[in-house]
N, C-alpha and C. Protein backbone atom coordinates (compact mmCIF):
# COMPACT_ATOMS: atom_id res chain seq x y z
N MET A 1 -31.93 -64.95 80.47
CA MET A 1 -33.08 -65.89 80.73
C MET A 1 -32.20 -67.00 81.42
N LYS A 2 -30.96 -67.23 81.27
CA LYS A 2 -30.22 -68.61 82.22
C LYS A 2 -30.56 -68.18 83.36
N SER A 3 -30.61 -66.63 84.00
CA SER A 3 -30.51 -66.42 85.39
C SER A 3 -31.91 -66.85 85.83
N SER A 4 -32.90 -66.48 85.06
CA SER A 4 -34.11 -66.70 85.70
C SER A 4 -34.41 -68.51 85.72
N LYS A 5 -33.76 -69.26 84.75
CA LYS A 5 -33.85 -70.78 84.93
C LYS A 5 -32.92 -70.99 86.16
N ALA A 6 -32.20 -70.57 86.37
CA ALA A 6 -31.26 -71.00 87.80
C ALA A 6 -32.31 -70.54 88.97
N LEU A 7 -33.02 -69.41 88.94
CA LEU A 7 -34.09 -68.98 89.90
C LEU A 7 -35.09 -70.39 89.87
N VAL A 8 -35.49 -70.41 88.97
CA VAL A 8 -36.66 -71.14 88.73
C VAL A 8 -36.11 -72.53 89.28
N LEU A 9 -35.29 -73.16 89.03
CA LEU A 9 -34.49 -74.61 89.55
C LEU A 9 -34.04 -74.46 91.19
N SER A 10 -33.75 -73.14 91.59
CA SER A 10 -33.30 -73.09 92.64
C SER A 10 -34.36 -73.01 93.68
N SER A 11 -35.57 -72.47 93.17
CA SER A 11 -36.74 -72.35 93.88
C SER A 11 -37.37 -73.61 94.01
N SER A 12 -37.35 -74.23 93.04
CA SER A 12 -38.24 -75.73 92.89
C SER A 12 -37.38 -76.54 93.98
N LEU A 13 -36.21 -76.45 93.90
CA LEU A 13 -35.41 -77.44 95.20
C LEU A 13 -35.76 -77.27 96.51
N ILE A 14 -36.07 -75.89 96.67
CA ILE A 14 -35.98 -75.01 98.13
C ILE A 14 -37.72 -75.53 98.47
N LEU A 15 -38.50 -75.42 97.63
CA LEU A 15 -39.98 -75.58 97.76
C LEU A 15 -40.27 -77.07 97.88
N LEU A 16 -39.26 -78.26 97.30
CA LEU A 16 -39.28 -79.30 97.19
C LEU A 16 -38.92 -80.19 98.70
N ALA A 17 -38.06 -79.06 99.24
CA ALA A 17 -37.26 -79.75 100.38
C ALA A 17 -38.26 -79.34 101.81
N ALA A 18 -38.91 -78.08 101.37
CA ALA A 18 -39.86 -77.85 102.53
C ALA A 18 -40.77 -78.47 102.52
N ALA A 19 -41.62 -78.81 101.38
CA ALA A 19 -42.70 -79.76 101.14
C ALA A 19 -42.36 -81.17 102.18
N THR A 20 -41.68 -81.64 102.04
CA THR A 20 -40.90 -83.15 102.66
C THR A 20 -40.95 -82.64 104.12
N LEU A 21 -41.02 -81.51 104.72
CA LEU A 21 -40.95 -81.42 106.08
C LEU A 21 -42.40 -82.21 106.99
N THR A 22 -42.27 -82.75 108.09
CA THR A 22 -43.68 -83.07 108.52
C THR A 22 -43.70 -82.46 109.66
N SER A 23 -45.31 -82.45 109.84
CA SER A 23 -45.74 -81.36 111.15
C SER A 23 -45.32 -82.18 112.60
N GLY A 24 -44.83 -83.02 112.64
CA GLY A 24 -44.59 -83.49 114.07
C GLY A 24 -43.14 -83.06 114.53
N SER A 25 -42.76 -81.81 114.11
CA SER A 25 -41.39 -81.38 114.71
C SER A 25 -41.80 -80.70 115.87
N THR A 26 -40.86 -80.82 116.82
CA THR A 26 -41.29 -79.93 118.12
C THR A 26 -40.81 -78.33 118.43
N GLN A 27 -40.18 -78.09 117.21
CA GLN A 27 -39.58 -76.89 117.23
C GLN A 27 -40.36 -76.08 116.07
N SER A 28 -40.54 -74.40 116.60
CA SER A 28 -41.34 -73.87 115.97
C SER A 28 -40.66 -72.92 115.01
N LEU A 29 -41.06 -72.63 113.69
CA LEU A 29 -40.06 -72.30 112.54
C LEU A 29 -40.65 -70.61 112.47
N ASP A 30 -39.82 -69.73 112.41
CA ASP A 30 -40.36 -68.60 112.08
C ASP A 30 -40.88 -68.37 110.51
N PRO A 31 -42.14 -67.93 110.44
CA PRO A 31 -43.20 -68.06 109.27
C PRO A 31 -42.23 -66.70 108.50
N LYS A 32 -41.38 -65.76 109.14
CA LYS A 32 -41.23 -64.55 108.35
C LYS A 32 -39.53 -65.27 107.65
N ALA A 33 -39.40 -66.53 107.71
CA ALA A 33 -37.85 -67.00 107.21
C ALA A 33 -38.23 -68.06 106.19
N LEU A 34 -39.81 -69.09 106.36
CA LEU A 34 -39.83 -69.84 105.51
C LEU A 34 -41.54 -70.17 105.80
N ARG A 35 -41.87 -70.90 104.75
CA ARG A 35 -43.28 -71.44 104.68
C ARG A 35 -43.02 -72.94 104.38
N PHE A 36 -43.92 -73.77 104.93
CA PHE A 36 -44.03 -75.13 104.33
C PHE A 36 -45.38 -75.99 104.44
N THR A 37 -45.46 -76.81 103.64
CA THR A 37 -46.89 -77.44 103.63
C THR A 37 -46.24 -79.17 104.13
N PRO A 38 -47.01 -79.77 104.96
CA PRO A 38 -46.67 -80.77 105.30
C PRO A 38 -47.74 -81.68 103.94
N PRO A 39 -47.05 -82.86 103.76
CA PRO A 39 -47.86 -83.68 102.64
C PRO A 39 -49.22 -84.05 102.62
N ASP A 40 -49.84 -84.09 104.15
CA ASP A 40 -50.98 -84.39 104.41
C ASP A 40 -51.86 -83.06 104.15
N GLN A 41 -51.45 -82.21 104.17
CA GLN A 41 -51.83 -80.79 103.99
C GLN A 41 -51.85 -79.94 102.82
N ILE A 42 -51.26 -80.94 101.95
CA ILE A 42 -51.15 -80.18 100.05
C ILE A 42 -52.67 -80.37 100.07
N HIS A 43 -53.50 -79.27 99.16
CA HIS A 43 -54.52 -79.17 98.87
C HIS A 43 -54.23 -79.83 97.06
N TRP A 44 -55.23 -81.20 96.99
CA TRP A 44 -55.01 -81.22 95.41
C TRP A 44 -56.69 -81.13 94.88
N VAL A 45 -56.61 -80.90 93.59
CA VAL A 45 -57.76 -80.34 92.81
C VAL A 45 -57.95 -81.48 91.88
N ASP A 46 -58.73 -81.74 91.51
CA ASP A 46 -59.19 -82.79 90.19
C ASP A 46 -59.52 -81.85 89.24
N ASN A 47 -58.42 -82.18 88.18
CA ASN A 47 -58.68 -81.07 86.82
C ASN A 47 -59.38 -81.74 85.77
N GLY A 48 -59.86 -83.19 86.33
CA GLY A 48 -60.76 -83.98 85.19
C GLY A 48 -59.59 -84.43 84.23
N GLY A 49 -59.80 -85.32 83.21
CA GLY A 49 -58.95 -86.36 82.41
C GLY A 49 -57.72 -86.90 83.35
N GLY A 50 -58.11 -87.43 84.56
CA GLY A 50 -57.37 -88.24 85.22
C GLY A 50 -56.00 -87.35 85.88
N ALA A 51 -56.07 -86.32 85.58
CA ALA A 51 -55.11 -85.28 86.64
C ALA A 51 -55.34 -84.43 87.63
N LEU A 52 -54.71 -84.84 88.91
CA LEU A 52 -55.07 -84.13 90.00
C LEU A 52 -53.92 -82.84 90.06
N GLN A 53 -53.70 -81.79 90.71
CA GLN A 53 -53.15 -80.53 90.65
C GLN A 53 -53.18 -80.13 91.69
N ALA A 54 -51.87 -79.73 92.44
CA ALA A 54 -51.94 -78.91 93.78
C ALA A 54 -51.02 -77.79 93.42
N VAL A 55 -51.58 -76.79 93.76
CA VAL A 55 -50.51 -75.56 93.52
C VAL A 55 -50.05 -75.18 94.83
N LEU A 56 -48.49 -75.14 94.53
CA LEU A 56 -47.51 -75.04 95.60
C LEU A 56 -46.98 -73.70 95.70
N ALA A 57 -46.97 -72.82 94.79
CA ALA A 57 -46.62 -71.31 94.93
C ALA A 57 -46.83 -70.50 93.46
N GLY A 58 -47.23 -69.58 93.33
CA GLY A 58 -47.93 -68.81 92.38
C GLY A 58 -49.23 -69.37 92.10
N ASP A 59 -49.35 -68.82 90.60
CA ASP A 59 -50.48 -69.08 90.30
C ASP A 59 -50.24 -69.21 88.60
N PRO A 60 -50.60 -70.49 88.37
CA PRO A 60 -50.35 -70.97 86.82
C PRO A 60 -51.20 -70.48 85.90
N ASN A 61 -52.08 -69.60 86.74
CA ASN A 61 -52.96 -68.93 85.47
C ASN A 61 -52.92 -67.51 84.90
N LYS A 62 -51.80 -66.87 86.11
CA LYS A 62 -51.50 -65.98 85.61
C LYS A 62 -49.69 -65.50 85.56
N PRO A 63 -49.39 -64.41 84.98
CA PRO A 63 -48.09 -63.95 84.39
C PRO A 63 -47.40 -64.29 85.95
N GLY A 64 -45.99 -64.79 85.85
CA GLY A 64 -45.21 -65.18 87.03
C GLY A 64 -44.67 -66.26 87.19
N LEU A 65 -43.88 -66.55 88.01
CA LEU A 65 -43.15 -67.87 88.31
C LEU A 65 -44.78 -68.76 89.21
N TYR A 66 -44.54 -70.05 88.80
CA TYR A 66 -45.40 -70.94 89.44
C TYR A 66 -44.69 -72.07 89.65
N VAL A 67 -45.37 -72.97 90.97
CA VAL A 67 -44.72 -74.46 90.93
C VAL A 67 -46.03 -75.35 91.15
N VAL A 68 -46.15 -76.33 90.73
CA VAL A 68 -47.37 -77.18 91.08
C VAL A 68 -47.14 -78.66 90.90
N MET A 69 -47.66 -79.17 91.66
CA MET A 69 -47.73 -80.64 91.52
C MET A 69 -48.70 -81.50 90.79
N VAL A 70 -48.47 -82.38 89.79
CA VAL A 70 -49.48 -82.97 89.20
C VAL A 70 -49.32 -84.58 89.41
N LYS A 71 -50.70 -85.38 89.57
CA LYS A 71 -50.40 -86.69 89.95
C LYS A 71 -51.35 -86.95 88.62
N TRP A 72 -50.62 -87.61 87.89
CA TRP A 72 -51.57 -88.35 86.70
C TRP A 72 -51.89 -89.53 87.37
N THR A 73 -53.01 -89.98 87.14
CA THR A 73 -53.64 -91.33 87.59
C THR A 73 -53.60 -92.44 86.45
N ALA A 74 -53.21 -93.29 87.15
CA ALA A 74 -53.13 -94.43 85.82
C ALA A 74 -53.94 -94.38 84.79
N HIS A 75 -53.65 -95.16 83.64
CA HIS A 75 -54.29 -95.00 82.62
C HIS A 75 -54.88 -93.72 82.01
N HIS A 76 -54.24 -92.67 82.14
CA HIS A 76 -54.74 -91.53 81.67
C HIS A 76 -53.51 -90.56 81.06
N MET A 77 -53.89 -90.37 79.73
CA MET A 77 -52.82 -89.39 79.15
C MET A 77 -53.49 -87.99 78.54
N SER A 78 -52.89 -86.87 78.52
CA SER A 78 -53.55 -85.72 77.87
C SER A 78 -53.39 -86.13 76.06
N GLN A 79 -54.11 -85.21 75.46
CA GLN A 79 -53.88 -85.25 73.86
C GLN A 79 -52.82 -84.34 73.50
N PRO A 80 -52.43 -84.29 72.49
CA PRO A 80 -51.32 -83.16 71.86
C PRO A 80 -51.51 -82.06 72.06
N HIS A 81 -50.76 -81.02 72.65
CA HIS A 81 -50.69 -79.64 73.42
C HIS A 81 -49.54 -79.05 73.38
N PHE A 82 -49.82 -77.82 73.21
CA PHE A 82 -48.55 -77.09 73.96
C PHE A 82 -48.86 -76.06 74.94
N HIS A 83 -47.96 -75.43 75.58
CA HIS A 83 -47.83 -74.31 76.72
C HIS A 83 -47.07 -72.99 76.01
N PRO A 84 -47.37 -71.71 76.17
CA PRO A 84 -46.90 -70.35 75.96
C PRO A 84 -45.15 -70.55 76.08
N HIS A 85 -44.86 -71.27 77.56
CA HIS A 85 -43.63 -70.89 77.68
C HIS A 85 -42.75 -72.05 78.40
N ASP A 86 -41.63 -72.37 78.63
CA ASP A 86 -40.84 -73.35 78.97
C ASP A 86 -41.36 -73.99 80.27
N ARG A 87 -41.23 -75.11 80.68
CA ARG A 87 -41.86 -75.74 81.64
C ARG A 87 -40.73 -76.72 82.41
N PHE A 88 -40.51 -76.67 83.64
CA PHE A 88 -39.24 -77.51 83.86
C PHE A 88 -40.11 -78.82 85.13
N ILE A 89 -39.81 -79.82 84.59
CA ILE A 89 -40.55 -80.80 85.21
C ILE A 89 -39.66 -81.93 85.88
N THR A 90 -39.93 -82.29 86.80
CA THR A 90 -38.93 -83.12 87.91
C THR A 90 -40.39 -84.76 88.08
N VAL A 91 -39.93 -85.82 88.22
CA VAL A 91 -40.96 -86.82 88.36
C VAL A 91 -40.42 -87.06 89.70
N LEU A 92 -41.25 -87.17 90.27
CA LEU A 92 -41.37 -87.03 92.15
C LEU A 92 -41.64 -88.83 92.48
N SER A 93 -42.33 -89.18 91.63
CA SER A 93 -42.83 -90.72 91.96
C SER A 93 -43.67 -91.03 90.73
N GLY A 94 -43.50 -92.55 90.66
CA GLY A 94 -43.84 -93.59 89.52
C GLY A 94 -43.16 -93.15 88.28
N THR A 95 -43.65 -93.57 87.02
CA THR A 95 -43.27 -93.51 85.79
C THR A 95 -44.27 -92.41 85.13
N TRP A 96 -43.66 -91.56 84.39
CA TRP A 96 -44.44 -90.60 83.43
C TRP A 96 -44.15 -90.87 82.03
N TRP A 97 -45.18 -90.96 81.17
CA TRP A 97 -44.38 -91.16 79.94
C TRP A 97 -44.90 -90.15 78.81
N VAL A 98 -44.16 -89.56 77.94
CA VAL A 98 -44.00 -88.33 77.46
C VAL A 98 -43.97 -88.71 75.94
N GLY A 99 -44.38 -88.08 74.80
CA GLY A 99 -44.62 -88.23 73.33
C GLY A 99 -44.65 -86.64 72.97
N THR A 100 -44.16 -86.84 71.71
CA THR A 100 -43.78 -85.37 70.97
C THR A 100 -44.72 -85.40 69.48
N GLY A 101 -45.11 -84.33 69.13
CA GLY A 101 -45.67 -84.31 68.00
C GLY A 101 -47.23 -84.08 67.84
N HIS A 102 -48.01 -84.07 66.81
CA HIS A 102 -49.57 -83.71 66.59
C HIS A 102 -50.21 -84.97 66.56
N LYS A 103 -49.56 -86.15 66.46
CA LYS A 103 -50.31 -87.66 66.29
C LYS A 103 -50.29 -88.18 67.54
N PHE A 104 -51.50 -88.30 68.35
CA PHE A 104 -51.66 -88.96 69.32
C PHE A 104 -51.19 -90.41 69.46
N ASP A 105 -50.18 -91.02 69.90
CA ASP A 105 -49.75 -92.36 69.90
C ASP A 105 -49.35 -92.67 71.31
N PRO A 106 -50.03 -93.28 72.28
CA PRO A 106 -49.52 -93.60 73.46
C PRO A 106 -48.43 -94.55 73.37
N ASP A 107 -48.46 -95.41 72.34
CA ASP A 107 -47.81 -96.28 71.99
C ASP A 107 -46.40 -96.26 71.83
N SER A 108 -46.07 -94.89 71.21
CA SER A 108 -44.79 -94.28 71.11
C SER A 108 -44.11 -93.58 72.38
N THR A 109 -45.02 -93.40 73.52
CA THR A 109 -44.36 -92.54 74.58
C THR A 109 -42.85 -93.25 74.83
N VAL A 110 -42.17 -92.52 75.73
CA VAL A 110 -41.08 -93.01 76.53
C VAL A 110 -41.58 -92.59 77.92
N PRO A 111 -40.84 -93.61 78.70
CA PRO A 111 -40.77 -93.82 80.04
C PRO A 111 -39.88 -92.84 80.90
N MET A 112 -40.32 -91.57 81.40
CA MET A 112 -39.74 -90.91 82.35
C MET A 112 -39.70 -91.64 84.07
N PRO A 113 -38.71 -92.37 84.35
CA PRO A 113 -38.93 -93.00 85.74
C PRO A 113 -38.64 -92.04 86.98
N THR A 114 -38.99 -92.02 88.08
CA THR A 114 -38.54 -91.38 89.19
C THR A 114 -37.41 -90.53 89.32
N GLY A 115 -37.41 -89.49 89.91
CA GLY A 115 -36.20 -88.94 89.32
C GLY A 115 -35.75 -88.28 88.32
N SER A 116 -36.33 -88.09 86.94
CA SER A 116 -36.05 -87.81 85.69
C SER A 116 -36.49 -86.44 85.59
N PHE A 117 -35.52 -85.72 84.88
CA PHE A 117 -35.79 -84.17 84.86
C PHE A 117 -36.10 -83.88 83.45
N VAL A 118 -37.37 -83.14 83.07
CA VAL A 118 -37.60 -83.03 81.67
C VAL A 118 -38.06 -81.32 81.35
N ILE A 119 -37.79 -80.69 80.16
CA ILE A 119 -37.94 -79.50 80.13
C ILE A 119 -39.12 -79.44 78.82
N HIS A 120 -40.31 -79.04 78.93
CA HIS A 120 -40.91 -79.14 77.69
C HIS A 120 -41.14 -77.49 77.37
N TYR A 121 -40.44 -77.26 76.13
CA TYR A 121 -40.11 -76.09 75.64
C TYR A 121 -41.39 -75.50 74.99
N GLY A 122 -41.26 -74.26 75.15
CA GLY A 122 -42.58 -73.53 74.94
C GLY A 122 -43.22 -73.55 73.54
N GLN A 123 -44.36 -73.77 73.29
CA GLN A 123 -44.95 -73.76 71.84
C GLN A 123 -44.71 -74.97 70.86
N GLN A 124 -44.14 -75.99 71.77
CA GLN A 124 -43.60 -77.31 70.97
C GLN A 124 -44.97 -78.33 71.45
N VAL A 125 -45.11 -78.83 70.59
CA VAL A 125 -46.38 -79.92 70.56
C VAL A 125 -45.87 -81.23 71.47
N HIS A 126 -46.75 -81.67 72.21
CA HIS A 126 -46.28 -82.65 73.34
C HIS A 126 -47.55 -83.22 73.81
N TYR A 127 -47.37 -84.71 74.50
CA TYR A 127 -48.59 -85.38 75.41
C TYR A 127 -47.92 -86.12 76.06
N ASP A 128 -48.79 -86.29 77.04
CA ASP A 128 -47.94 -87.13 78.23
C ASP A 128 -49.07 -87.76 79.43
N GLY A 129 -48.62 -88.49 80.21
CA GLY A 129 -49.71 -89.12 81.30
C GLY A 129 -48.88 -90.28 81.88
N ALA A 130 -49.84 -91.27 82.39
CA ALA A 130 -49.67 -92.19 83.21
C ALA A 130 -50.19 -93.33 82.43
N LYS A 131 -49.23 -94.52 82.69
CA LYS A 131 -49.95 -95.82 81.80
C LYS A 131 -50.59 -96.62 83.07
N ASP A 132 -49.62 -98.07 83.53
CA ASP A 132 -50.01 -98.80 84.82
C ASP A 132 -50.28 -98.30 85.78
N GLY A 133 -49.40 -97.27 86.19
CA GLY A 133 -49.54 -96.47 87.76
C GLY A 133 -49.42 -94.97 87.77
N ASP A 134 -49.98 -94.79 88.87
CA ASP A 134 -49.78 -93.02 89.06
C ASP A 134 -48.63 -92.37 88.95
N ALA A 135 -48.28 -91.48 88.43
CA ALA A 135 -47.24 -90.46 88.60
C ALA A 135 -47.22 -89.46 88.98
N VAL A 136 -46.16 -88.84 89.96
CA VAL A 136 -46.49 -87.30 90.46
C VAL A 136 -45.27 -86.55 90.21
N LEU A 137 -45.62 -85.46 89.43
CA LEU A 137 -44.69 -84.40 88.86
C LEU A 137 -44.56 -83.07 89.66
N GLU A 138 -43.48 -82.56 89.71
CA GLU A 138 -43.11 -80.87 89.90
C GLU A 138 -43.22 -80.49 88.57
N ILE A 139 -43.81 -79.09 88.52
CA ILE A 139 -43.55 -78.41 87.10
C ILE A 139 -43.46 -77.23 87.61
N VAL A 140 -42.41 -76.58 87.12
CA VAL A 140 -42.09 -75.29 87.55
C VAL A 140 -42.00 -74.46 86.18
N GLY A 141 -42.71 -73.21 86.59
CA GLY A 141 -42.69 -72.42 85.02
C GLY A 141 -43.27 -71.13 85.22
N GLU A 142 -43.22 -70.30 83.93
CA GLU A 142 -43.97 -69.09 84.21
C GLU A 142 -45.39 -68.78 83.46
N GLY A 143 -46.09 -68.51 84.19
CA GLY A 143 -47.48 -68.45 83.78
C GLY A 143 -47.71 -67.48 82.92
N PRO A 144 -48.81 -67.20 82.15
CA PRO A 144 -50.18 -68.16 82.31
C PRO A 144 -49.47 -69.70 81.65
N ALA A 145 -49.97 -70.87 82.08
CA ALA A 145 -49.37 -72.02 81.47
C ALA A 145 -50.55 -72.18 80.67
N THR A 146 -51.28 -71.66 80.28
CA THR A 146 -52.31 -72.44 79.15
C THR A 146 -52.15 -73.38 78.44
N PRO A 147 -52.70 -74.37 78.57
CA PRO A 147 -52.33 -75.72 77.64
C PRO A 147 -53.26 -75.39 76.26
N THR A 148 -52.75 -75.29 75.03
CA THR A 148 -53.41 -74.89 73.88
C THR A 148 -53.49 -76.31 73.12
N PRO A 149 -54.64 -76.84 72.49
CA PRO A 149 -54.86 -78.04 71.49
C PRO A 149 -54.20 -77.87 70.56
N ALA A 150 -53.32 -78.73 70.27
CA ALA A 150 -52.68 -79.00 69.06
C ALA A 150 -53.56 -79.41 67.94
N GLU A 151 -53.69 -78.85 66.60
CA GLU A 151 -54.29 -79.81 65.46
C GLU A 151 -53.81 -80.91 65.37
N GLN A 152 -54.46 -81.82 64.52
CA GLN A 152 -54.14 -83.31 64.35
C GLN A 152 -54.42 -83.53 63.16
């Protein structure tokens, strides 16, 4: 499992670096060597509840590796839930607030500033979101990433 975690983290860094390229380059890149998406061409989908998601690689609804970006809009948080597999999260911008346990208590959440790295362990209850400003995350995991509501 350690080698797959290293692969996930390496893949994440490669995709993040590729996503930062701009379309203003005068050189052409070999599409057999790499694929990139400039920021203005990343397709964001409103998932409701104050979160937007952009799938960068894979499919979080199917088995296998996936990479997504999630933008939590200010003043929105998820309710306590869990996922079947570990998820590896990097805060790309803003401050993301995280909490654990079955009781939803936004006042007890802990801030994760830009640059923070977080692991949500599979089957463990958490909740998260943004308070006063938007937060953008990169999430890498093994699908399906189905969130399951936790009993309160």
